[in-house]
Amino acid sequence: MQRIEGMFSPFSIAVMDMMLSLQESLTAEGDILEIGTYKGKSAALLGHHLRDGERLALVDVTDYLDPTAIEPFKGRTDFTLSDSSKLRTALPRYRERHRTFRFIHIDASHGYEETFRELGMANELSLLLASFL
């Protein structure tokens, strides 16, 4: 993962790995979504936490994705080239995917309005943690 260009710090890697490991210990099931992939440094970690039947959905406004980042699980990865403002129409089967994602990582534009919209979509798409407890 260190060979992939990006701003994903060792601390952030450890926190995300811990969160995904906790979900696994709670037997949480569902797909994983990342909005804002850049070269795929965090996508590499997310993909390594996929379990049987799960998919990794990656979304970015530009395709800078390093193919080696997702090589081990590329057959279970979907990349959507879209601005997050158009994600509701760009992400295949958006409505059907409500409450199907067990983990969503948002690292896109960082602007207030855009992030607020992305958080709203994450609320629609994410599973409720209470269902695992």
N, C-alpha and C. Protein backbone atom coordinates (compact mmCIF):
# COMPACT_ATOMS: atom_id res chain seq x y z
N MET A 1 0.82 -1.20 0.00
CA MET A 1 0.00 0.00 0.00
C MET A 1 0.87 1.26 0.00
N GLN A 2 2.04 1.20 0.60
CA GLN A 2 2.91 2.37 0.67
C GLN A 2 3.42 2.80 -0.71
N ARG A 3 3.44 1.88 -1.68
CA ARG A 3 3.93 2.22 -3.01
C ARG A 3 2.90 2.99 -3.82
N ILE A 4 1.67 3.08 -3.34
CA ILE A 4 0.60 3.79 -4.05
C ILE A 4 0.61 5.24 -3.59
N GLU A 5 0.64 6.14 -4.54
CA GLU A 5 0.66 7.57 -4.23
C GLU A 5 -0.66 8.00 -3.57
N GLY A 6 -0.57 8.88 -2.57
CA GLY A 6 -1.76 9.40 -1.93
C GLY A 6 -1.47 9.99 -0.57
N MET A 7 -2.49 10.55 0.02
CA MET A 7 -2.35 11.26 1.30
C MET A 7 -2.87 10.44 2.48
N PHE A 8 -2.99 9.15 2.35
CA PHE A 8 -3.54 8.26 3.37
C PHE A 8 -2.44 7.98 4.40
N SER A 9 -2.50 8.65 5.54
CA SER A 9 -1.44 8.57 6.55
C SER A 9 -1.45 7.23 7.27
N PRO A 10 -0.33 6.85 7.88
CA PRO A 10 -0.30 5.61 8.66
C PRO A 10 -1.35 5.59 9.77
N PHE A 11 -1.61 6.73 10.40
CA PHE A 11 -2.64 6.80 11.43
C PHE A 11 -4.02 6.51 10.83
N SER A 12 -4.33 7.14 9.70
CA SER A 12 -5.62 6.92 9.04
C SER A 12 -5.78 5.47 8.59
N ILE A 13 -4.69 4.89 8.11
CA ILE A 13 -4.71 3.48 7.70
C ILE A 13 -5.06 2.61 8.90
N ALA A 14 -4.42 2.88 10.04
CA ALA A 14 -4.67 2.08 11.25
C ALA A 14 -6.11 2.23 11.73
N VAL A 15 -6.64 3.44 11.69
CA VAL A 15 -8.02 3.67 12.14
C VAL A 15 -9.01 2.95 11.22
N MET A 16 -8.83 3.10 9.90
CA MET A 16 -9.75 2.45 8.97
C MET A 16 -9.67 0.93 9.08
N ASP A 17 -8.47 0.41 9.21
CA ASP A 17 -8.28 -1.03 9.36
C ASP A 17 -8.98 -1.53 10.62
N MET A 18 -8.88 -0.76 11.70
CA MET A 18 -9.52 -1.12 12.96
C MET A 18 -11.05 -1.12 12.82
N MET A 19 -11.59 -0.11 12.15
CA MET A 19 -13.05 -0.02 11.97
C MET A 19 -13.56 -1.20 11.13
N LEU A 20 -12.86 -1.51 10.06
CA LEU A 20 -13.27 -2.62 9.21
C LEU A 20 -13.13 -3.96 9.94
N SER A 21 -12.09 -4.10 10.74
CA SER A 21 -11.92 -5.33 11.54
C SER A 21 -13.02 -5.47 12.57
N LEU A 22 -13.43 -4.37 13.18
CA LEU A 22 -14.55 -4.40 14.13
C LEU A 22 -15.82 -4.86 13.43
N GLN A 23 -16.08 -4.33 12.25
CA GLN A 23 -17.26 -4.77 11.51
C GLN A 23 -17.21 -6.28 11.26
N GLU A 24 -16.05 -6.77 10.90
CA GLU A 24 -15.91 -8.20 10.64
C GLU A 24 -16.17 -9.01 11.89
N SER A 25 -15.71 -8.53 13.05
CA SER A 25 -15.95 -9.26 14.30
C SER A 25 -17.42 -9.24 14.68
N LEU A 26 -18.16 -8.24 14.20
CA LEU A 26 -19.60 -8.16 14.45
C LEU A 26 -20.39 -8.86 13.35
N THR A 27 -19.70 -9.51 12.44
CA THR A 27 -20.25 -10.20 11.27
C THR A 27 -21.10 -9.29 10.38
N ALA A 28 -20.72 -8.04 10.31
CA ALA A 28 -21.40 -7.10 9.41
C ALA A 28 -21.16 -7.54 7.97
N GLU A 29 -22.19 -7.48 7.16
CA GLU A 29 -22.08 -7.84 5.75
C GLU A 29 -22.62 -6.71 4.90
N GLY A 30 -21.98 -6.46 3.79
CA GLY A 30 -22.44 -5.42 2.87
C GLY A 30 -21.28 -4.94 2.03
N ASP A 31 -21.62 -4.20 1.00
CA ASP A 31 -20.60 -3.68 0.11
C ASP A 31 -19.87 -2.52 0.76
N ILE A 32 -18.80 -2.08 0.11
CA ILE A 32 -18.00 -0.95 0.58
C ILE A 32 -17.96 0.09 -0.53
N LEU A 33 -18.11 1.35 -0.14
CA LEU A 33 -18.14 2.46 -1.09
C LEU A 33 -17.07 3.48 -0.72
N GLU A 34 -16.37 3.97 -1.74
CA GLU A 34 -15.44 5.07 -1.53
C GLU A 34 -15.75 6.16 -2.54
N ILE A 35 -16.00 7.36 -2.04
CA ILE A 35 -16.23 8.53 -2.89
C ILE A 35 -14.96 9.37 -2.82
N GLY A 36 -14.22 9.43 -3.91
CA GLY A 36 -12.95 10.12 -3.97
C GLY A 36 -11.82 9.13 -3.80
N THR A 37 -11.30 8.60 -4.91
CA THR A 37 -10.31 7.52 -4.83
C THR A 37 -8.88 7.97 -5.09
N TYR A 38 -8.70 9.02 -5.85
CA TYR A 38 -7.40 9.47 -6.34
C TYR A 38 -6.66 8.27 -6.95
N LYS A 39 -5.53 7.86 -6.43
CA LYS A 39 -4.75 6.76 -7.00
C LYS A 39 -5.16 5.39 -6.45
N GLY A 40 -5.95 5.37 -5.37
CA GLY A 40 -6.44 4.10 -4.84
C GLY A 40 -5.75 3.60 -3.59
N LYS A 41 -5.02 4.46 -2.90
CA LYS A 41 -4.30 4.02 -1.70
C LYS A 41 -5.26 3.49 -0.64
N SER A 42 -6.33 4.23 -0.35
CA SER A 42 -7.30 3.74 0.64
C SER A 42 -8.16 2.62 0.06
N ALA A 43 -8.39 2.66 -1.25
CA ALA A 43 -9.17 1.59 -1.90
C ALA A 43 -8.46 0.24 -1.75
N ALA A 44 -7.13 0.26 -1.75
CA ALA A 44 -6.37 -0.98 -1.57
C ALA A 44 -6.69 -1.61 -0.21
N LEU A 45 -6.76 -0.80 0.83
CA LEU A 45 -7.10 -1.32 2.16
C LEU A 45 -8.55 -1.78 2.20
N LEU A 46 -9.45 -0.98 1.65
CA LEU A 46 -10.87 -1.35 1.63
C LEU A 46 -11.07 -2.69 0.93
N GLY A 47 -10.42 -2.86 -0.21
CA GLY A 47 -10.56 -4.10 -0.97
C GLY A 47 -10.07 -5.32 -0.23
N HIS A 48 -9.05 -5.16 0.58
CA HIS A 48 -8.53 -6.30 1.35
C HIS A 48 -9.49 -6.73 2.46
N HIS A 49 -10.47 -5.91 2.75
CA HIS A 49 -11.47 -6.26 3.77
C HIS A 49 -12.76 -6.80 3.14
N LEU A 50 -12.80 -6.94 1.82
CA LEU A 50 -13.98 -7.53 1.18
C LEU A 50 -14.09 -8.99 1.56
N ARG A 51 -15.31 -9.43 1.76
CA ARG A 51 -15.56 -10.85 2.01
C ARG A 51 -16.38 -11.42 0.88
N ASP A 52 -16.57 -12.72 0.87
CA ASP A 52 -17.32 -13.39 -0.20
C ASP A 52 -18.64 -12.68 -0.45
N GLY A 53 -18.92 -12.42 -1.70
CA GLY A 53 -20.19 -11.82 -2.09
C GLY A 53 -20.23 -10.30 -1.98
N GLU A 54 -19.20 -9.68 -1.45
CA GLU A 54 -19.18 -8.23 -1.31
C GLU A 54 -18.46 -7.58 -2.48
N ARG A 55 -18.83 -6.31 -2.77
CA ARG A 55 -18.21 -5.55 -3.85
C ARG A 55 -17.69 -4.23 -3.32
N LEU A 56 -16.69 -3.72 -4.00
CA LEU A 56 -16.12 -2.41 -3.69
C LEU A 56 -16.54 -1.45 -4.79
N ALA A 57 -17.27 -0.40 -4.43
CA ALA A 57 -17.69 0.62 -5.38
C ALA A 57 -16.81 1.85 -5.19
N LEU A 58 -16.12 2.23 -6.23
CA LEU A 58 -15.24 3.39 -6.20
C LEU A 58 -15.80 4.48 -7.10
N VAL A 59 -15.76 5.72 -6.61
CA VAL A 59 -16.31 6.85 -7.37
C VAL A 59 -15.30 7.99 -7.34
N ASP A 60 -15.04 8.57 -8.50
CA ASP A 60 -14.21 9.76 -8.56
C ASP A 60 -14.57 10.57 -9.79
N VAL A 61 -14.27 11.84 -9.74
CA VAL A 61 -14.56 12.74 -10.84
C VAL A 61 -13.55 12.58 -11.98
N THR A 62 -12.38 12.03 -11.68
CA THR A 62 -11.32 11.80 -12.65
C THR A 62 -10.74 10.40 -12.42
N ASP A 63 -10.33 9.75 -13.47
CA ASP A 63 -9.76 8.42 -13.34
C ASP A 63 -8.24 8.49 -13.19
N TYR A 64 -7.78 8.68 -11.94
CA TYR A 64 -6.36 8.63 -11.63
C TYR A 64 -5.98 7.29 -11.01
N LEU A 65 -6.93 6.39 -10.90
CA LEU A 65 -6.75 5.13 -10.19
C LEU A 65 -5.56 4.33 -10.72
N ASP A 66 -4.67 3.95 -9.82
CA ASP A 66 -3.53 3.10 -10.15
C ASP A 66 -4.05 1.66 -10.21
N PRO A 67 -4.03 1.01 -11.36
CA PRO A 67 -4.59 -0.33 -11.49
C PRO A 67 -3.98 -1.35 -10.52
N THR A 68 -2.73 -1.15 -10.11
CA THR A 68 -2.11 -2.10 -9.18
C THR A 68 -2.75 -2.02 -7.80
N ALA A 69 -3.40 -0.90 -7.48
CA ALA A 69 -4.03 -0.74 -6.17
C ALA A 69 -5.17 -1.73 -5.97
N ILE A 70 -5.89 -2.02 -7.04
CA ILE A 70 -7.07 -2.90 -6.92
C ILE A 70 -6.87 -4.25 -7.60
N GLU A 71 -5.68 -4.52 -8.09
CA GLU A 71 -5.40 -5.76 -8.82
C GLU A 71 -5.88 -7.02 -8.10
N PRO A 72 -5.62 -7.19 -6.78
CA PRO A 72 -6.03 -8.44 -6.12
C PRO A 72 -7.54 -8.67 -6.07
N PHE A 73 -8.34 -7.62 -6.25
CA PHE A 73 -9.80 -7.77 -6.14
C PHE A 73 -10.52 -7.00 -7.26
N LYS A 74 -9.85 -6.81 -8.39
CA LYS A 74 -10.44 -6.02 -9.47
C LYS A 74 -11.75 -6.63 -10.01
N GLY A 75 -11.90 -7.92 -9.94
CA GLY A 75 -13.13 -8.56 -10.39
C GLY A 75 -14.32 -8.28 -9.49
N ARG A 76 -14.06 -7.73 -8.33
CA ARG A 76 -15.13 -7.40 -7.38
C ARG A 76 -15.21 -5.90 -7.13
N THR A 77 -14.64 -5.13 -8.07
CA THR A 77 -14.59 -3.68 -7.94
C THR A 77 -15.30 -3.01 -9.11
N ASP A 78 -16.10 -2.00 -8.79
CA ASP A 78 -16.78 -1.20 -9.80
C ASP A 78 -16.29 0.24 -9.67
N PHE A 79 -15.89 0.84 -10.78
CA PHE A 79 -15.43 2.22 -10.77
C PHE A 79 -16.44 3.07 -11.52
N THR A 80 -16.93 4.12 -10.87
CA THR A 80 -17.87 5.04 -11.50
C THR A 80 -17.20 6.39 -11.63
N LEU A 81 -17.11 6.87 -12.85
CA LEU A 81 -16.54 8.17 -13.14
C LEU A 81 -17.66 9.19 -13.07
N SER A 82 -17.70 9.96 -11.97
CA SER A 82 -18.79 10.91 -11.78
C SER A 82 -18.46 11.92 -10.70
N ASP A 83 -18.99 13.09 -10.88
CA ASP A 83 -19.00 14.11 -9.83
C ASP A 83 -20.02 13.64 -8.79
N SER A 84 -19.75 13.85 -7.52
CA SER A 84 -20.67 13.35 -6.50
C SER A 84 -22.05 13.99 -6.60
N SER A 85 -22.15 15.17 -7.24
CA SER A 85 -23.47 15.80 -7.39
C SER A 85 -24.37 15.00 -8.33
N LYS A 86 -23.77 14.13 -9.15
CA LYS A 86 -24.53 13.31 -10.09
C LYS A 86 -24.55 11.83 -9.69
N LEU A 87 -24.09 11.54 -8.50
CA LEU A 87 -23.93 10.14 -8.08
C LEU A 87 -25.25 9.39 -8.02
N ARG A 88 -26.32 10.05 -7.65
CA ARG A 88 -27.61 9.36 -7.55
C ARG A 88 -28.05 8.78 -8.90
N THR A 89 -27.63 9.38 -9.98
CA THR A 89 -27.97 8.85 -11.31
C THR A 89 -26.80 8.06 -11.91
N ALA A 90 -25.58 8.35 -11.51
CA ALA A 90 -24.41 7.69 -12.09
C ALA A 90 -24.11 6.32 -11.48
N LEU A 91 -24.35 6.16 -10.18
CA LEU A 91 -24.06 4.88 -9.52
C LEU A 91 -25.11 3.86 -9.94
N PRO A 92 -24.70 2.78 -10.58
CA PRO A 92 -25.68 1.78 -11.03
C PRO A 92 -26.57 1.29 -9.88
N ARG A 93 -27.86 1.23 -10.15
CA ARG A 93 -28.87 0.72 -9.20
C ARG A 93 -28.86 1.48 -7.87
N TYR A 94 -28.68 2.79 -7.93
CA TYR A 94 -28.56 3.60 -6.71
C TYR A 94 -29.69 3.31 -5.72
N ARG A 95 -30.92 3.37 -6.18
CA ARG A 95 -32.07 3.17 -5.26
C ARG A 95 -32.09 1.76 -4.68
N GLU A 96 -31.76 0.77 -5.48
CA GLU A 96 -31.73 -0.62 -5.00
C GLU A 96 -30.63 -0.84 -3.97
N ARG A 97 -29.64 0.03 -3.97
CA ARG A 97 -28.49 -0.16 -3.08
C ARG A 97 -28.65 0.56 -1.74
N HIS A 98 -29.81 1.16 -1.52
CA HIS A 98 -30.05 1.79 -0.21
C HIS A 98 -29.87 0.75 0.88
N ARG A 99 -29.13 1.13 1.92
CA ARG A 99 -28.88 0.29 3.11
C ARG A 99 -28.12 -0.99 2.79
N THR A 100 -27.26 -0.94 1.76
CA THR A 100 -26.49 -2.14 1.41
C THR A 100 -24.99 -2.00 1.66
N PHE A 101 -24.52 -0.81 1.99
CA PHE A 101 -23.09 -0.59 2.20
C PHE A 101 -22.76 -0.62 3.68
N ARG A 102 -21.82 -1.48 4.06
CA ARG A 102 -21.44 -1.57 5.46
C ARG A 102 -20.38 -0.56 5.84
N PHE A 103 -19.67 -0.01 4.85
CA PHE A 103 -18.64 0.98 5.12
C PHE A 103 -18.59 1.96 3.95
N ILE A 104 -18.57 3.25 4.26
CA ILE A 104 -18.49 4.28 3.23
C ILE A 104 -17.39 5.26 3.64
N HIS A 105 -16.44 5.45 2.74
CA HIS A 105 -15.33 6.39 2.96
C HIS A 105 -15.52 7.57 2.00
N ILE A 106 -15.66 8.77 2.57
CA ILE A 106 -15.84 9.97 1.77
C ILE A 106 -14.57 10.79 1.82
N ASP A 107 -13.95 10.98 0.66
CA ASP A 107 -12.72 11.77 0.57
C ASP A 107 -12.68 12.44 -0.80
N ALA A 108 -13.72 13.23 -1.08
CA ALA A 108 -13.84 13.82 -2.41
C ALA A 108 -13.47 15.31 -2.39
N SER A 109 -14.42 16.17 -2.64
CA SER A 109 -14.12 17.58 -2.87
C SER A 109 -13.72 18.37 -1.63
N HIS A 110 -14.23 18.01 -0.49
CA HIS A 110 -13.96 18.69 0.79
C HIS A 110 -14.65 20.03 0.93
N GLY A 111 -15.45 20.44 -0.05
CA GLY A 111 -16.24 21.67 0.08
C GLY A 111 -17.47 21.40 0.94
N TYR A 112 -17.98 22.43 1.61
CA TYR A 112 -19.10 22.26 2.54
C TYR A 112 -20.32 21.64 1.86
N GLU A 113 -20.82 22.28 0.81
CA GLU A 113 -22.05 21.80 0.15
C GLU A 113 -21.86 20.40 -0.42
N GLU A 114 -20.73 20.15 -1.03
CA GLU A 114 -20.47 18.84 -1.62
C GLU A 114 -20.40 17.76 -0.54
N THR A 115 -19.68 18.05 0.53
CA THR A 115 -19.56 17.08 1.62
C THR A 115 -20.90 16.83 2.28
N PHE A 116 -21.70 17.87 2.47
CA PHE A 116 -23.03 17.72 3.05
C PHE A 116 -23.89 16.80 2.18
N ARG A 117 -23.83 16.99 0.86
CA ARG A 117 -24.58 16.15 -0.08
C ARG A 117 -24.07 14.70 -0.02
N GLU A 118 -22.75 14.53 0.03
CA GLU A 118 -22.16 13.19 0.10
C GLU A 118 -22.56 12.47 1.39
N LEU A 119 -22.60 13.21 2.49
CA LEU A 119 -23.05 12.62 3.75
C LEU A 119 -24.52 12.20 3.68
N GLY A 120 -25.34 12.98 2.99
CA GLY A 120 -26.74 12.61 2.80
C GLY A 120 -26.88 11.32 2.01
N MET A 121 -26.08 11.17 0.96
CA MET A 121 -26.11 9.94 0.18
C MET A 121 -25.60 8.77 1.01
N ALA A 122 -24.56 9.01 1.80
CA ALA A 122 -24.04 7.95 2.67
C ALA A 122 -25.11 7.49 3.65
N ASN A 123 -25.90 8.42 4.14
CA ASN A 123 -27.00 8.07 5.05
C ASN A 123 -28.02 7.18 4.35
N GLU A 124 -28.29 7.44 3.08
CA GLU A 124 -29.24 6.62 2.33
C GLU A 124 -28.68 5.23 2.03
N LEU A 125 -27.39 5.15 1.76
CA LEU A 125 -26.79 3.91 1.29
C LEU A 125 -26.27 3.01 2.38
N SER A 126 -25.98 3.55 3.56
CA SER A 126 -25.31 2.75 4.59
C SER A 126 -26.28 1.92 5.42
N LEU A 127 -25.76 0.78 5.85
CA LEU A 127 -26.49 -0.06 6.79
C LEU A 127 -26.49 0.61 8.14
N LEU A 128 -27.44 0.28 8.96
CA LEU A 128 -27.47 0.82 10.31
C LEU A 128 -26.62 -0.06 11.22
N LEU A 129 -25.71 0.54 11.95
CA LEU A 129 -24.84 -0.25 12.85
C LEU A 129 -25.67 -1.01 13.87
N ALA A 130 -26.80 -0.47 14.28
CA ALA A 130 -27.63 -1.12 15.28
C ALA A 130 -28.06 -2.52 14.82
N SER A 131 -28.11 -2.73 13.50
CA SER A 131 -28.53 -4.04 13.02
C SER A 131 -27.48 -5.12 13.29
N PHE A 132 -26.26 -4.72 13.67
CA PHE A 132 -25.20 -5.68 13.95
C PHE A 132 -25.06 -5.97 15.44
N LEU A 133 -25.70 -5.20 16.26
CA LEU A 133 -25.54 -5.34 17.71
C LEU A 133 -26.63 -6.21 18.31
